[in-house]
PDB file of N, CA and C in Angstrom:
ATOM      1  N   MET A   1       0.609 -64.347   5.926  1.00  0.00           N
ATOM      2  CA  MET A   1       1.162 -65.514   5.297  1.00  0.00           C
ATOM      3  C   MET A   1       2.207 -66.107   6.235  1.00  0.00           C
ATOM      4  N   ASN A   2       2.313 -67.402   6.227  1.00  0.00           N
ATOM      5  CA  ASN A   2       3.287 -68.134   7.003  1.00  0.00           C
ATOM      6  C   ASN A   2       4.691 -67.707   6.565  1.00  0.00           C
ATOM      7  N   ALA A   3       5.609 -67.532   7.506  1.00  0.00           N
ATOM      8  CA  ALA A   3       6.960 -67.066   7.196  1.00  0.00           C
ATOM      9  C   ALA A   3       7.664 -68.011   6.226  1.00  0.00           C
ATOM     10  N   ARG A   4       7.495 -69.320   6.414  1.00  0.00           N
ATOM     11  CA  ARG A   4       8.158 -70.283   5.533  1.00  0.00           C
ATOM     12  C   ARG A   4       7.640 -70.143   4.100  1.00  0.00           C
ATOM     13  N   ASP A   5       6.332 -70.036   3.944  1.00  0.00           N
ATOM     14  CA  ASP A   5       5.749 -69.870   2.609  1.00  0.00           C
ATOM     15  C   ASP A   5       6.225 -68.570   1.955  1.00  0.00           C
ATOM     16  N   GLY A   6       6.292 -67.511   2.757  1.00  0.00           N
ATOM     17  CA  GLY A   6       6.766 -66.234   2.236  1.00  0.00           C
ATOM     18  C   GLY A   6       8.214 -66.321   1.774  1.00  0.00           C
ATOM     19  N   LEU A   7       9.041 -67.001   2.543  1.00  0.00           N
ATOM     20  CA  LEU A   7      10.447 -67.162   2.160  1.00  0.00           C
ATOM     21  C   LEU A   7      10.585 -68.008   0.894  1.00  0.00           C
ATOM     22  N   GLU A   8       9.727 -69.009   0.740  1.00  0.00           N
ATOM     23  CA  GLU A   8       9.774 -69.822  -0.474  1.00  0.00           C
ATOM     24  C   GLU A   8       9.383 -68.994  -1.692  1.00  0.00           C
ATOM     25  N   ARG A   9       8.396 -68.127  -1.542  1.00  0.00           N
ATOM     26  CA  ARG A   9       8.017 -67.238  -2.648  1.00  0.00           C
ATOM     27  C   ARG A   9       9.153 -66.269  -2.975  1.00  0.00           C
ATOM     28  N   ILE A  10       9.795 -65.770  -1.944  1.00  0.00           N
ATOM     29  CA  ILE A  10      10.928 -64.872  -2.161  1.00  0.00           C
ATOM     30  C   ILE A  10      12.026 -65.598  -2.916  1.00  0.00           C
ATOM     31  N   ARG A  11      12.289 -66.840  -2.542  1.00  0.00           N
ATOM     32  CA  ARG A  11      13.321 -67.617  -3.238  1.00  0.00           C
ATOM     33  C   ARG A  11      12.976 -67.794  -4.711  1.00  0.00           C
ATOM     34  N   GLU A  12      11.708 -68.098  -4.993  1.00  0.00           N
ATOM     35  CA  GLU A  12      11.270 -68.259  -6.384  1.00  0.00           C
ATOM     36  C   GLU A  12      11.471 -66.970  -7.174  1.00  0.00           C
ATOM     37  N   ARG A  13      11.140 -65.858  -6.555  1.00  0.00           N
ATOM     38  CA  ARG A  13      11.304 -64.578  -7.242  1.00  0.00           C
ATOM     39  C   ARG A  13      12.778 -64.234  -7.439  1.00  0.00           C
ATOM     40  N   LEU A  14      13.613 -64.595  -6.472  1.00  0.00           N
ATOM     41  CA  LEU A  14      15.052 -64.372  -6.626  1.00  0.00           C
ATOM     42  C   LEU A  14      15.596 -65.195  -7.788  1.00  0.00           C
ATOM     43  N   GLU A  15      15.149 -66.436  -7.882  1.00  0.00           N
ATOM     44  CA  GLU A  15      15.566 -67.292  -9.003  1.00  0.00           C
ATOM     45  C   GLU A  15      15.151 -66.668 -10.332  1.00  0.00           C
ATOM     46  N   ALA A  16      13.928 -66.171 -10.395  1.00  0.00           N
ATOM     47  CA  ALA A  16      13.423 -65.554 -11.624  1.00  0.00           C
ATOM     48  C   ALA A  16      14.223 -64.303 -11.979  1.00  0.00           C
ATOM     49  N   ASN A  17      14.736 -63.605 -10.970  1.00  0.00           N
ATOM     50  CA  ASN A  17      15.538 -62.400 -11.203  1.00  0.00           C
ATOM     51  C   ASN A  17      16.993 -62.720 -11.524  1.00  0.00           C
ATOM     52  N   GLY A  18      17.364 -63.995 -11.457  1.00  0.00           N
ATOM     53  CA  GLY A  18      18.739 -64.380 -11.751  1.00  0.00           C
ATOM     54  C   GLY A  18      19.694 -64.069 -10.613  1.00  0.00           C
ATOM     55  N   ALA A  19      19.259 -64.280  -9.389  1.00  0.00           N
ATOM     56  CA  ALA A  19      20.081 -63.990  -8.214  1.00  0.00           C
ATOM     57  C   ALA A  19      21.282 -64.929  -8.147  1.00  0.00           C
ATOM     58  N   MET A  20      22.290 -64.480  -7.444  1.00  0.00           N
ATOM     59  CA  MET A  20      23.519 -65.258  -7.271  1.00  0.00           C
ATOM     60  C   MET A  20      23.230 -66.515  -6.437  1.00  0.00           C
ATOM     61  N   ALA A  21      24.048 -67.545  -6.628  1.00  0.00           N
ATOM     62  CA  ALA A  21      23.875 -68.803  -5.909  1.00  0.00           C
ATOM     63  C   ALA A  21      24.002 -68.603  -4.401  1.00  0.00           C
ATOM     64  N   GLU A  22      24.896 -67.714  -3.984  1.00  0.00           N
ATOM     65  CA  GLU A  22      25.075 -67.491  -2.548  1.00  0.00           C
ATOM     66  C   GLU A  22      23.826 -66.853  -1.920  1.00  0.00           C
ATOM     67  N   THR A  23      23.111 -66.057  -2.690  1.00  0.00           N
ATOM     68  CA  THR A  23      21.868 -65.474  -2.191  1.00  0.00           C
ATOM     69  C   THR A  23      20.821 -66.566  -2.003  1.00  0.00           C
ATOM     70  N   LEU A  24      20.735 -67.456  -3.001  1.00  0.00           N
ATOM     71  CA  LEU A  24      19.767 -68.557  -2.906  1.00  0.00           C
ATOM     72  C   LEU A  24      20.101 -69.480  -1.737  1.00  0.00           C
ATOM     73  N   ASP A  25      21.397 -69.730  -1.518  1.00  0.00           N
ATOM     74  CA  ASP A  25      21.809 -70.562  -0.381  1.00  0.00           C
ATOM     75  C   ASP A  25      21.417 -69.907   0.938  1.00  0.00           C
ATOM     76  N   TYR A  26      21.603 -68.594   1.018  1.00  0.00           N
ATOM     77  CA  TYR A  26      21.241 -67.856   2.229  1.00  0.00           C
ATOM     78  C   TYR A  26      19.742 -67.958   2.496  1.00  0.00           C
ATOM     79  N   VAL A  27      18.928 -67.778   1.467  1.00  0.00           N
ATOM     80  CA  VAL A  27      17.476 -67.865   1.636  1.00  0.00           C
ATOM     81  C   VAL A  27      17.075 -69.296   1.989  1.00  0.00           C
ATOM     82  N   ASP A  28      17.754 -70.295   1.401  1.00  0.00           N
ATOM     83  CA  ASP A  28      17.484 -71.691   1.763  1.00  0.00           C
ATOM     84  C   ASP A  28      17.736 -71.924   3.253  1.00  0.00           C
ATOM     85  N   THR A  29      18.806 -71.337   3.778  1.00  0.00           N
ATOM     86  CA  THR A  29      19.111 -71.453   5.199  1.00  0.00           C
ATOM     87  C   THR A  29      17.989 -70.847   6.040  1.00  0.00           C
ATOM     88  N   MET A  30      17.488 -69.706   5.598  1.00  0.00           N
ATOM     89  CA  MET A  30      16.405 -69.054   6.332  1.00  0.00           C
ATOM     90  C   MET A  30      15.114 -69.872   6.241  1.00  0.00           C
ATOM     91  N   ILE A  31      14.880 -70.526   5.110  1.00  0.00           N
ATOM     92  CA  ILE A  31      13.705 -71.395   4.962  1.00  0.00           C
ATOM     93  C   ILE A  31      13.801 -72.565   5.935  1.00  0.00           C
ATOM     94  N   GLN A  32      15.010 -73.125   6.062  1.00  0.00           N
ATOM     95  CA  GLN A  32      15.194 -74.239   7.006  1.00  0.00           C
ATOM     96  C   GLN A  32      14.904 -73.790   8.439  1.00  0.00           C
ATOM     97  N   ARG A  33      15.350 -72.588   8.780  1.00  0.00           N
ATOM     98  CA  ARG A  33      15.080 -72.074  10.131  1.00  0.00           C
ATOM     99  C   ARG A  33      13.582 -71.864  10.332  1.00  0.00           C
ATOM    100  N   ALA A  34      12.913 -71.380   9.302  1.00  0.00           N
ATOM    101  CA  ALA A  34      11.471 -71.133   9.403  1.00  0.00           C
ATOM    102  C   ALA A  34      10.668 -72.429   9.402  1.00  0.00           C
ATOM    103  N   SER A  35      11.302 -73.538   8.996  1.00  0.00           N
ATOM    104  CA  SER A  35      10.618 -74.836   8.973  1.00  0.00           C
ATOM    105  C   SER A  35      10.501 -75.457  10.359  1.00  0.00           C
ATOM    106  N   ASP A  36      11.171 -74.898  11.333  1.00  0.00           N
ATOM    107  CA  ASP A  36      11.103 -75.371  12.710  1.00  0.00           C
ATOM    108  C   ASP A  36       9.641 -75.328  13.174  1.00  0.00           C
ATOM    109  N   PRO A  37       9.145 -76.395  13.795  1.00  0.00           N
ATOM    110  CA  PRO A  37       7.745 -76.422  14.239  1.00  0.00           C
ATOM    111  C   PRO A  37       7.352 -75.234  15.131  1.00  0.00           C
ATOM    112  N   GLN A  38       8.294 -74.697  15.879  1.00  0.00           N
ATOM    113  CA  GLN A  38       7.995 -73.547  16.729  1.00  0.00           C
ATOM    114  C   GLN A  38       7.732 -72.289  15.900  1.00  0.00           C
ATOM    115  N   MET A  39       8.210 -72.262  14.661  1.00  0.00           N
ATOM    116  CA  MET A  39       8.041 -71.108  13.787  1.00  0.00           C
ATOM    117  C   MET A  39       6.813 -71.238  12.888  1.00  0.00           C
ATOM    118  N   ALA A  40       6.067 -72.320  13.013  1.00  0.00           N
ATOM    119  CA  ALA A  40       4.946 -72.597  12.112  1.00  0.00           C
ATOM    120  C   ALA A  40       3.860 -71.521  12.160  1.00  0.00           C
ATOM    121  N   ASN A  41       3.691 -70.882  13.301  1.00  0.00           N
ATOM    122  CA  ASN A  41       2.615 -69.897  13.452  1.00  0.00           C
ATOM    123  C   ASN A  41       3.058 -68.461  13.203  1.00  0.00           C
ATOM    124  N   VAL A  42       4.313 -68.260  12.839  1.00  0.00           N
ATOM    125  CA  VAL A  42       4.814 -66.908  12.596  1.00  0.00           C
ATOM    126  C   VAL A  42       4.261 -66.404  11.270  1.00  0.00           C
ATOM    127  N   GLN A  43       3.560 -65.267  11.337  1.00  0.00           N
ATOM    128  CA  GLN A  43       2.950 -64.682  10.147  1.00  0.00           C
ATOM    129  C   GLN A  43       3.706 -63.405   9.779  1.00  0.00           C
ATOM    130  N   SER A  44       4.030 -63.239   8.480  1.00  0.00           N
ATOM    131  CA  SER A  44       4.741 -62.053   8.011  1.00  0.00           C
ATOM    132  C   SER A  44       4.369 -61.776   6.565  1.00  0.00           C
ATOM    133  N   SER A  45       4.399 -60.508   6.205  1.00  0.00           N
ATOM    134  CA  SER A  45       4.198 -60.153   4.802  1.00  0.00           C
ATOM    135  C   SER A  45       5.542 -60.275   4.081  1.00  0.00           C
ATOM    136  N   GLN A  46       5.491 -60.292   2.756  1.00  0.00           N
ATOM    137  CA  GLN A  46       6.741 -60.375   2.000  1.00  0.00           C
ATOM    138  C   GLN A  46       7.603 -59.146   2.242  1.00  0.00           C
ATOM    139  N   ALA A  47       6.975 -57.994   2.392  1.00  0.00           N
ATOM    140  CA  ALA A  47       7.745 -56.774   2.649  1.00  0.00           C
ATOM    141  C   ALA A  47       8.487 -56.884   3.983  1.00  0.00           C
ATOM    142  N   GLN A  48       7.835 -57.427   5.001  1.00  0.00           N
ATOM    143  CA  GLN A  48       8.480 -57.608   6.303  1.00  0.00           C
ATOM    144  C   GLN A  48       9.637 -58.595   6.202  1.00  0.00           C
ATOM    145  N   LEU A  49       9.411 -59.691   5.491  1.00  0.00           N
ATOM    146  CA  LEU A  49      10.467 -60.685   5.322  1.00  0.00           C
ATOM    147  C   LEU A  49      11.653 -60.109   4.558  1.00  0.00           C
ATOM    148  N   MET A  50      11.386 -59.301   3.540  1.00  0.00           N
ATOM    149  CA  MET A  50      12.474 -58.695   2.768  1.00  0.00           C
ATOM    150  C   MET A  50      13.295 -57.755   3.652  1.00  0.00           C
ATOM    151  N   ARG A  51      12.631 -56.948   4.465  1.00  0.00           N
ATOM    152  CA  ARG A  51      13.359 -56.052   5.378  1.00  0.00           C
ATOM    153  C   ARG A  51      14.212 -56.863   6.345  1.00  0.00           C
ATOM    154  N   MET A  52      13.646 -57.954   6.859  1.00  0.00           N
ATOM    155  CA  MET A  52      14.382 -58.789   7.794  1.00  0.00           C
ATOM    156  C   MET A  52      15.620 -59.398   7.128  1.00  0.00           C
ATOM    157  N   LEU A  53      15.456 -59.890   5.918  1.00  0.00           N
ATOM    158  CA  LEU A  53      16.577 -60.514   5.214  1.00  0.00           C
ATOM    159  C   LEU A  53      17.686 -59.516   4.902  1.00  0.00           C
ATOM    160  N   THR A  54      17.318 -58.321   4.457  1.00  0.00           N
ATOM    161  CA  THR A  54      18.347 -57.342   4.070  1.00  0.00           C
ATOM    162  C   THR A  54      19.071 -56.752   5.271  1.00  0.00           C
ATOM    163  N   ARG A  55      18.499 -56.854   6.458  1.00  0.00           N
ATOM    164  CA  ARG A  55      19.129 -56.266   7.641  1.00  0.00           C
ATOM    165  C   ARG A  55      19.957 -57.241   8.460  1.00  0.00           C
ATOM    166  N   THR A  56      20.056 -58.480   8.025  1.00  0.00           N
ATOM    167  CA  THR A  56      20.865 -59.450   8.764  1.00  0.00           C
ATOM    168  C   THR A  56      22.345 -59.219   8.478  1.00  0.00           C
ATOM    169  N   PRO A  57      23.212 -59.614   9.385  1.00  0.00           N
ATOM    170  CA  PRO A  57      24.654 -59.439   9.162  1.00  0.00           C
ATOM    171  C   PRO A  57      25.156 -60.162   7.903  1.00  0.00           C
ATOM    172  N   VAL A  58      24.568 -61.300   7.582  1.00  0.00           N
ATOM    173  CA  VAL A  58      24.992 -62.037   6.380  1.00  0.00           C
ATOM    174  C   VAL A  58      24.790 -61.166   5.142  1.00  0.00           C
ATOM    175  N   ALA A  59      23.648 -60.516   5.051  1.00  0.00           N
ATOM    176  CA  ALA A  59      23.347 -59.685   3.883  1.00  0.00           C
ATOM    177  C   ALA A  59      24.163 -58.396   3.880  1.00  0.00           C
ATOM    178  N   THR A  60      24.298 -57.760   5.022  1.00  0.00           N
ATOM    179  CA  THR A  60      25.015 -56.484   5.046  1.00  0.00           C
ATOM    180  C   THR A  60      26.511 -56.654   4.842  1.00  0.00           C
ATOM    181  N   ASN A  61      27.034 -57.834   5.097  1.00  0.00           N
ATOM    182  CA  ASN A  61      28.465 -58.077   4.916  1.00  0.00           C
ATOM    183  C   ASN A  61      28.810 -58.641   3.539  1.00  0.00           C
ATOM    184  N   ASN A  62      27.807 -58.954   2.722  1.00  0.00           N
ATOM    185  CA  ASN A  62      28.059 -59.524   1.403  1.00  0.00           C
ATOM    186  C   ASN A  62      27.290 -58.696   0.370  1.00  0.00           C
ATOM    187  N   PHE A  63      28.029 -57.957  -0.471  1.00  0.00           N
ATOM    188  CA  PHE A  63      27.391 -57.065  -1.437  1.00  0.00           C
ATOM    189  C   PHE A  63      26.508 -57.800  -2.436  1.00  0.00           C
ATOM    190  N   ASN A  64      26.914 -58.988  -2.873  1.00  0.00           N
ATOM    191  CA  ASN A  64      26.118 -59.739  -3.847  1.00  0.00           C
ATOM    192  C   ASN A  64      24.742 -60.100  -3.274  1.00  0.00           C
ATOM    193  N   ILE A  65      24.744 -60.624  -2.068  1.00  0.00           N
ATOM    194  CA  ILE A  65      23.488 -60.994  -1.424  1.00  0.00           C
ATOM    195  C   ILE A  65      22.648 -59.741  -1.190  1.00  0.00           C
ATOM    196  N   TYR A  66      23.276 -58.706  -0.663  1.00  0.00           N
ATOM    197  CA  TYR A  66      22.554 -57.464  -0.363  1.00  0.00           C
ATOM    198  C   TYR A  66      21.924 -56.872  -1.624  1.00  0.00           C
ATOM    199  N   ASN A  67      22.673 -56.822  -2.710  1.00  0.00           N
ATOM    200  CA  ASN A  67      22.151 -56.246  -3.955  1.00  0.00           C
ATOM    201  C   ASN A  67      20.977 -57.049  -4.506  1.00  0.00           C
ATOM    202  N   ASP A  68      21.070 -58.371  -4.467  1.00  0.00           N
ATOM    203  CA  ASP A  68      19.965 -59.214  -4.929  1.00  0.00           C
ATOM    204  C   ASP A  68      18.708 -58.966  -4.096  1.00  0.00           C
ATOM    205  N   LEU A  69      18.893 -58.881  -2.782  1.00  0.00           N
ATOM    206  CA  LEU A  69      17.753 -58.693  -1.893  1.00  0.00           C
ATOM    207  C   LEU A  69      17.144 -57.296  -2.030  1.00  0.00           C
ATOM    208  N   VAL A  70      17.981 -56.287  -2.181  1.00  0.00           N
ATOM    209  CA  VAL A  70      17.472 -54.922  -2.317  1.00  0.00           C
ATOM    210  C   VAL A  70      16.699 -54.771  -3.623  1.00  0.00           C
ATOM    211  N   LYS A  71      17.175 -55.411  -4.679  1.00  0.00           N
ATOM    212  CA  LYS A  71      16.474 -55.361  -5.963  1.00  0.00           C
ATOM    213  C   LYS A  71      15.065 -55.957  -5.812  1.00  0.00           C
ATOM    214  N   LEU A  72      14.972 -57.100  -5.165  1.00  0.00           N
ATOM    215  CA  LEU A  72      13.670 -57.735  -4.972  1.00  0.00           C
ATOM    216  C   LEU A  72      12.809 -56.935  -3.994  1.00  0.00           C
ATOM    217  N   GLU A  73      13.421 -56.368  -2.969  1.00  0.00           N
ATOM    218  CA  GLU A  73      12.663 -55.561  -2.009  1.00  0.00           C
ATOM    219  C   GLU A  73      12.016 -54.369  -2.713  1.00  0.00           C
ATOM    220  N   GLU A  74      12.726 -53.780  -3.644  1.00  0.00           N
ATOM    221  CA  GLU A  74      12.168 -52.658  -4.412  1.00  0.00           C
ATOM    222  C   GLU A  74      10.950 -53.110  -5.221  1.00  0.00           C
ATOM    223  N   GLU A  75      11.042 -54.281  -5.845  1.00  0.00           N
ATOM    224  CA  GLU A  75       9.917 -54.822  -6.611  1.00  0.00           C
ATOM    225  C   GLU A  75       8.713 -55.082  -5.699  1.00  0.00           C
ATOM    226  N   VAL A  76       8.962 -55.655  -4.538  1.00  0.00           N
ATOM    227  CA  VAL A  76       7.884 -55.959  -3.588  1.00  0.00           C
ATOM    228  C   VAL A  76       7.224 -54.661  -3.122  1.00  0.00           C
ATOM    229  N   ASN A  77       8.030 -53.639  -2.835  1.00  0.00           N
ATOM    230  CA  ASN A  77       7.475 -52.361  -2.384  1.00  0.00           C
ATOM    231  C   ASN A  77       6.678 -51.674  -3.486  1.00  0.00           C
ATOM    232  N   GLU A  78       7.152 -51.754  -4.728  1.00  0.00           N
ATOM    233  CA  GLU A  78       6.412 -51.170  -5.849  1.00  0.00           C
ATOM    234  C   GLU A  78       5.054 -51.858  -6.012  1.00  0.00           C
ATOM    235  N   ALA A  79       5.037 -53.171  -5.881  1.00  0.00           N
ATOM    236  CA  ALA A  79       3.780 -53.911  -5.988  1.00  0.00           C
ATOM    237  C   ALA A  79       2.824 -53.507  -4.864  1.00  0.00           C
ATOM    238  N   ALA A  80       3.351 -53.297  -3.673  1.00  0.00           N
ATOM    239  CA  ALA A  80       2.514 -52.883  -2.542  1.00  0.00           C
ATOM    240  C   ALA A  80       1.929 -51.494  -2.785  1.00  0.00           C
ATOM    241  N   VAL A  81       2.719 -50.599  -3.356  1.00  0.00           N
ATOM    242  CA  VAL A  81       2.229 -49.254  -3.654  1.00  0.00           C
ATOM    243  C   VAL A  81       1.127 -49.313  -4.703  1.00  0.00           C
ATOM    244  N   LYS A  82       1.303 -50.153  -5.719  1.00  0.00           N
ATOM    245  CA  LYS A  82       0.273 -50.297  -6.751  1.00  0.00           C
ATOM    246  C   LYS A  82      -1.021 -50.850  -6.171  1.00  0.00           C
ATOM    247  N   ARG A  83      -0.909 -51.845  -5.281  1.00  0.00           N
ATOM    248  CA  ARG A  83      -2.102 -52.405  -4.652  1.00  0.00           C
ATOM    249  C   ARG A  83      -2.813 -51.358  -3.805  1.00  0.00           C
ATOM    250  N   ALA A  84      -2.038 -50.549  -3.084  1.00  0.00           N
ATOM    251  CA  ALA A  84      -2.633 -49.508  -2.250  1.00  0.00           C
ATOM    252  C   ALA A  84      -3.325 -48.460  -3.117  1.00  0.00           C
ATOM    253  N   ALA A  85      -2.721 -48.102  -4.248  1.00  0.00           N
ATOM    254  CA  ALA A  85      -3.332 -47.119  -5.151  1.00  0.00           C
ATOM    255  C   ALA A  85      -4.624 -47.672  -5.746  1.00  0.00           C
ATOM    256  N   ALA A  86      -4.611 -48.948  -6.112  1.00  0.00           N
ATOM    257  CA  ALA A  86      -5.810 -49.576  -6.669  1.00  0.00           C
ATOM    258  C   ALA A  86      -6.927 -49.626  -5.619  1.00  0.00           C
ATOM    259  N   ALA A  87      -6.570 -49.914  -4.385  1.00  0.00           N
ATOM    260  CA  ALA A  87      -7.560 -49.955  -3.313  1.00  0.00           C
ATOM    261  C   ALA A  87      -8.128 -48.561  -3.060  1.00  0.00           C
ATOM    262  N   ALA A  88      -7.285 -47.542  -3.126  1.00  0.00           N
ATOM    263  CA  ALA A  88      -7.758 -46.165  -2.929  1.00  0.00           C
ATOM    264  C   ALA A  88      -8.679 -45.752  -4.066  1.00  0.00           C
ATOM    265  N   ALA A  89      -8.353 -46.148  -5.286  1.00  0.00           N
ATOM    266  CA  ALA A  89      -9.197 -45.828  -6.434  1.00  0.00           C
ATOM    267  C   ALA A  89     -10.546 -46.523  -6.304  1.00  0.00           C
ATOM    268  N   GLU A  90     -10.538 -47.720  -5.773  1.00  0.00           N
ATOM    269  CA  GLU A  90     -11.780 -48.480  -5.577  1.00  0.00           C
ATOM    270  C   GLU A  90     -12.682 -47.778  -4.568  1.00  0.00           C
ATOM    271  N   VAL A  91     -12.093 -47.204  -3.551  1.00  0.00           N
ATOM    272  CA  VAL A  91     -12.860 -46.503  -2.525  1.00  0.00           C
ATOM    273  C   VAL A  91     -13.470 -45.227  -3.099  1.00  0.00           C
ATOM    274  N   ASP A  92     -12.740 -44.540  -3.970  1.00  0.00           N
ATOM    275  CA  ASP A  92     -13.199 -43.272  -4.536  1.00  0.00           C
ATOM    276  C   ASP A  92     -14.276 -43.442  -5.601  1.00  0.00           C
ATOM    277  N   ARG A  93     -14.402 -44.635  -6.146  1.00  0.00           N
ATOM    278  CA  ARG A  93     -15.372 -44.866  -7.212  1.00  0.00           C
ATOM    279  C   ARG A  93     -16.779 -44.791  -6.637  1.00  0.00           C
ATOM    280  N   PRO A  94     -17.670 -44.060  -7.314  1.00  0.00           N
ATOM    281  CA  PRO A  94     -19.041 -43.950  -6.784  1.00  0.00           C
ATOM    282  C   PRO A  94     -19.780 -45.284  -6.867  1.00  0.00           C
ATOM    283  N   LEU A  95     -20.651 -45.484  -5.909  1.00  0.00           N
ATOM    284  CA  LEU A  95     -21.447 -46.705  -5.889  1.00  0.00           C
ATOM    285  C   LEU A  95     -22.574 -46.599  -6.915  1.00  0.00           C
ATOM    286  N   PRO A  96     -22.909 -47.692  -7.580  1.00  0.00           N
ATOM    287  CA  PRO A  96     -24.011 -47.640  -8.554  1.00  0.00           C
ATOM    288  C   PRO A  96     -25.349 -47.439  -7.850  1.00  0.00           C
ATOM    289  N   LYS A  97     -26.254 -46.754  -8.530  1.00  0.00           N
ATOM    290  CA  LYS A  97     -27.586 -46.502  -7.988  1.00  0.00           C
ATOM    291  C   LYS A  97     -28.474 -47.718  -8.255  1.00  0.00           C
ATOM    292  N   SER A  98     -29.449 -47.896  -7.382  1.00  0.00           N
ATOM    293  CA  SER A  98     -30.367 -49.027  -7.534  1.00  0.00           C
ATOM    294  C   SER A  98     -31.477 -48.682  -8.528  1.00  0.00           C
ATOM    295  N   LYS A  99     -32.193 -49.703  -8.985  1.00  0.00           N
ATOM    296  CA  LYS A  99     -33.344 -49.489  -9.872  1.00  0.00           C
ATOM    297  C   LYS A  99     -34.402 -48.646  -9.171  1.00  0.00           C
ATOM    298  N   LYS A 100     -34.548 -48.876  -7.890  1.00  0.00           N
ATOM    299  CA  LYS A 100     -35.534 -48.141  -7.107  1.00  0.00           C
ATOM    300  C   LYS A 100     -35.252 -46.634  -7.165  1.00  0.00           C
ATOM    301  N   TYR A 101     -33.994 -46.258  -7.090  1.00  0.00           N
ATOM    302  CA  TYR A 101     -33.613 -44.850  -7.153  1.00  0.00           C
ATOM    303  C   TYR A 101     -34.075 -44.230  -8.476  1.00  0.00           C
ATOM    304  N   TYR A 102     -33.808 -44.931  -9.581  1.00  0.00           N
ATOM    305  CA  TYR A 102     -34.164 -44.400 -10.891  1.00  0.00           C
ATOM    306  C   TYR A 102     -35.684 -44.363 -11.092  1.00  0.00           C
ATOM    307  N   LYS A 103     -36.415 -45.315 -10.541  1.00  0.00           N
ATOM    308  CA  LYS A 103     -37.885 -45.296 -10.611  1.00  0.00           C
ATOM    309  C   LYS A 103     -38.437 -44.095  -9.859  1.00  0.00           C
ATOM    310  N   GLN A 104     -37.898 -43.860  -8.667  1.00  0.00           N
ATOM    311  CA  GLN A 104     -38.353 -42.712  -7.877  1.00  0.00           C
ATOM    312  C   GLN A 104     -38.022 -41.397  -8.582  1.00  0.00           C
ATOM    313  N   LEU A 105     -36.878 -41.314  -9.201  1.00  0.00           N
ATOM    314  CA  LEU A 105     -36.480 -40.115  -9.936  1.00  0.00           C
ATOM    315  C   LEU A 105     -37.421 -39.866 -11.111  1.00  0.00           C
ATOM    316  N   LYS A 106     -37.773 -40.922 -11.819  1.00  0.00           N
ATOM    317  CA  LYS A 106     -38.682 -40.821 -12.958  1.00  0.00           C
ATOM    318  C   LYS A 106     -40.069 -40.346 -12.507  1.00  0.00           C
ATOM    319  N   GLU A 107     -40.549 -40.879 -11.375  1.00  0.00           N
ATOM    320  CA  GLU A 107     -41.837 -40.475 -10.836  1.00  0.00           C
ATOM    321  C   GLU A 107     -41.841 -38.994 -10.436  1.00  0.00           C
ATOM    322  N   LYS A 108     -40.740 -38.535  -9.841  1.00  0.00           N
ATOM    323  CA  LYS A 108     -40.632 -37.129  -9.460  1.00  0.00           C
ATOM    324  C   LYS A 108     -40.690 -36.223 -10.694  1.00  0.00           C
ATOM    325  N   GLU A 109     -40.030 -36.658 -11.766  1.00  0.00           N
ATOM    326  CA  GLU A 109     -40.025 -35.865 -12.998  1.00  0.00           C
ATOM    327  C   GLU A 109     -41.415 -35.788 -13.610  1.00  0.00           C
ATOM    328  N   LYS A 110     -42.179 -36.870 -13.518  1.00  0.00           N
ATOM    329  CA  LYS A 110     -43.551 -36.883 -14.050  1.00  0.00           C
ATOM    330  C   LYS A 110     -44.445 -35.924 -13.272  1.00  0.00           C
ATOM    331  N   ARG A 111     -44.291 -35.893 -11.935  1.00  0.00           N
ATOM    332  CA  ARG A 111     -45.106 -35.052 -11.065  1.00  0.00           C
ATOM    333  C   ARG A 111     -44.721 -33.572 -11.181  1.00  0.00           C
ATOM    334  N   GLY A 112     -43.476 -33.310 -11.350  1.00  0.00           N
ATOM    335  CA  GLY A 112     -43.023 -31.935 -11.262  1.00  0.00           C
ATOM    336  C   GLY A 112     -42.674 -31.319 -12.528  1.00  0.00           C
TER     337      GLY A 112
END
């Protein structure tokens, strides 16, 4: 996902979580930086963007911003774990058999 789009989604989620105004202002600043035409091709996942945001000096020096970001980062990581578990469960599920398989099985039972 484009970094700017990811940051906009993060901002929306922060708003939904009731984040402080200073946190929203900080994310707005980062969105403006990501809007630079040179940054248009930068691709990042939300988890990567959250790590980047929480590790900046602005976030580490302001407890309100840091707490808002860490709360959302936890939600993003939980969602990623759930998606990974669902994908693993999908892989473990047996594939359905074809009609041809069941016809051949029926024929074998008749013969034997």
